[in-house]
Structure formats: structure tokens, C-alpha cells
Amino acid sequence: MNSITSKEFAEYCAHEEWSNYKAHCISLDEFISDWLPNMVEDQHKLSIFWNRDDSAVLEIQVLLNDLEKELKKY
């Protein structure tokens, strides 16, 4: 089974109206402390496991709670 890297998946997601965007690596800390709060402020929701046809939509606070819970293990 072939595995796909995070960058390859990000590039796959740059489709149609997103085709001018380029994959950019950010740290988990930056994602948690900068990106997610800005998305909340802009009233966005997260779309995860996108496959160009469908995705799961997740409230940002749910992801933040899950990440905080997981990070406490380390």
C-alpha cells in the first residue's frame, strides 16, 4: 500500500478554486495558537478527510479539545 505524505495530500487538496495555493508546512503550535483562533474569529469550520467529493466538518473547539487532551499524554 502506498502512503501519501502530508505535503502530497495538501497539494492534492489544492484543487479547482484552491489551485493557486501552495502547500506550506506549519508547526502544530502555530496551528493551535494562530490558525485555529483566527478561524474561530472568521467563523470558519474545519473540513477534514477531504477527498474532492466529500469531507467531515468539525467544530474548531472540538479539535482544540481533542488536541489538548492528546498533548497531555506527552
C-alpha atoms as a PDB file:
ATOM      1  CA  MET A   1       0.000   0.000   0.000  1.00  0.00           C
ATOM      2  CA  ASN A   2       1.364   3.415  -0.927  1.00  0.00           C
ATOM      3  CA  SER A   3       1.436   6.081   1.728  1.00  0.00           C
ATOM      4  CA  ILE A   4       0.893   9.738   0.997  1.00  0.00           C
ATOM      5  CA  THR A   5       2.819  12.490   2.753  1.00  0.00           C
ATOM      6  CA  SER A   6       1.167  15.490   4.373  1.00  0.00           C
ATOM      7  CA  LYS A   7       2.606  17.724   1.664  1.00  0.00           C
ATOM      8  CA  GLU A   8       1.286  15.473  -1.097  1.00  0.00           C
ATOM      9  CA  PHE A   9      -2.154  15.488   0.482  1.00  0.00           C
ATOM     10  CA  ALA A  10      -2.071  19.297   0.822  1.00  0.00           C
ATOM     11  CA  GLU A  11      -1.117  19.544  -2.850  1.00  0.00           C
ATOM     12  CA  TYR A  12      -3.967  17.166  -3.742  1.00  0.00           C
ATOM     13  CA  CYS A  13      -6.364  19.475  -1.880  1.00  0.00           C
ATOM     14  CA  ALA A  14      -5.215  22.476  -3.931  1.00  0.00           C
ATOM     15  CA  HIS A  15      -7.929  21.755  -6.479  1.00  0.00           C
ATOM     16  CA  GLU A  16     -10.277  23.978  -8.510  1.00  0.00           C
ATOM     17  CA  GLU A  17     -10.740  27.284  -6.622  1.00  0.00           C
ATOM     18  CA  TRP A  18      -7.753  26.354  -4.440  1.00  0.00           C
ATOM     19  CA  SER A  19      -5.455  25.562  -7.389  1.00  0.00           C
ATOM     20  CA  ASN A  20      -3.367  28.742  -6.958  1.00  0.00           C
ATOM     21  CA  TYR A  21      -2.460  27.812  -3.390  1.00  0.00           C
ATOM     22  CA  LYS A  22       0.791  26.067  -2.468  1.00  0.00           C
ATOM     23  CA  ALA A  23       1.465  23.629   0.372  1.00  0.00           C
ATOM     24  CA  HIS A  24       3.228  25.247   3.315  1.00  0.00           C
ATOM     25  CA  CYS A  25       4.482  23.497   6.432  1.00  0.00           C
ATOM     26  CA  ILE A  26       3.451  24.960   9.791  1.00  0.00           C
ATOM     27  CA  SER A  27       4.141  23.711  13.295  1.00  0.00           C
ATOM     28  CA  LEU A  28       1.439  22.185  15.454  1.00  0.00           C
ATOM     29  CA  ASP A  29       1.966  25.039  17.927  1.00  0.00           C
ATOM     30  CA  GLU A  30       1.387  27.622  15.176  1.00  0.00           C
ATOM     31  CA  PHE A  31      -1.720  25.749  14.031  1.00  0.00           C
ATOM     32  CA  ILE A  32      -3.130  25.662  17.577  1.00  0.00           C
ATOM     33  CA  SER A  33      -2.153  29.154  18.709  1.00  0.00           C
ATOM     34  CA  ASP A  34      -2.569  31.138  15.465  1.00  0.00           C
ATOM     35  CA  TRP A  35      -4.545  29.347  12.769  1.00  0.00           C
ATOM     36  CA  LEU A  36      -7.390  27.859  14.804  1.00  0.00           C
ATOM     37  CA  PRO A  37      -8.179  31.043  16.798  1.00  0.00           C
ATOM     38  CA  ASN A  38      -8.205  33.043  13.563  1.00  0.00           C
ATOM     39  CA  MET A  39     -10.556  30.508  12.004  1.00  0.00           C
ATOM     40  CA  VAL A  40     -12.885  30.812  15.013  1.00  0.00           C
ATOM     41  CA  GLU A  41     -12.782  34.601  14.703  1.00  0.00           C
ATOM     42  CA  ASP A  42     -13.617  34.353  10.998  1.00  0.00           C
ATOM     43  CA  GLN A  43     -16.428  31.880  11.827  1.00  0.00           C
ATOM     44  CA  HIS A  44     -14.954  29.039   9.766  1.00  0.00           C
ATOM     45  CA  LYS A  45     -15.311  25.336  10.412  1.00  0.00           C
ATOM     46  CA  LEU A  46     -12.761  22.633   9.715  1.00  0.00           C
ATOM     47  CA  SER A  47     -13.160  20.262   6.819  1.00  0.00           C
ATOM     48  CA  ILE A  48     -11.193  17.077   7.397  1.00  0.00           C
ATOM     49  CA  PHE A  49     -10.550  13.953   5.359  1.00  0.00           C
ATOM     50  CA  TRP A  50     -11.484  15.730   2.136  1.00  0.00           C
ATOM     51  CA  ASN A  51     -11.410  13.571  -0.995  1.00  0.00           C
ATOM     52  CA  ARG A  52     -12.549  16.125  -3.628  1.00  0.00           C
ATOM     53  CA  ASP A  53     -16.108  14.870  -3.223  1.00  0.00           C
ATOM     54  CA  ASP A  54     -16.877  14.985   0.464  1.00  0.00           C
ATOM     55  CA  SER A  55     -15.410  15.634   3.885  1.00  0.00           C
ATOM     56  CA  ALA A  56     -16.202  15.608   7.559  1.00  0.00           C
ATOM     57  CA  VAL A  57     -16.900  19.014   9.099  1.00  0.00           C
ATOM     58  CA  LEU A  58     -15.674  19.574  12.617  1.00  0.00           C
ATOM     59  CA  GLU A  59     -16.175  22.438  15.042  1.00  0.00           C
ATOM     60  CA  ILE A  60     -12.820  24.013  15.839  1.00  0.00           C
ATOM     61  CA  GLN A  61     -13.331  23.826  19.595  1.00  0.00           C
ATOM     62  CA  VAL A  62     -13.841  20.063  19.320  1.00  0.00           C
ATOM     63  CA  LEU A  63     -10.469  19.727  17.576  1.00  0.00           C
ATOM     64  CA  LEU A  64      -8.789  22.003  20.122  1.00  0.00           C
ATOM     65  CA  ASN A  65     -10.174  19.934  22.987  1.00  0.00           C
ATOM     66  CA  ASP A  66      -9.027  16.692  21.329  1.00  0.00           C
ATOM     67  CA  LEU A  67      -5.545  18.081  20.638  1.00  0.00           C
ATOM     68  CA  GLU A  68      -5.143  19.378  24.197  1.00  0.00           C
ATOM     69  CA  LYS A  69      -6.242  16.019  25.600  1.00  0.00           C
ATOM     70  CA  GLU A  70      -3.808  14.145  23.350  1.00  0.00           C
ATOM     71  CA  LEU A  71      -0.901  16.513  24.009  1.00  0.00           C
ATOM     72  CA  LYS A  72      -1.261  15.991  27.787  1.00  0.00           C
ATOM     73  CA  LYS A  73      -0.046  12.441  27.187  1.00  0.00           C
ATOM     74  CA  TYR A  74       3.384  13.697  26.081  1.00  0.00           C
END
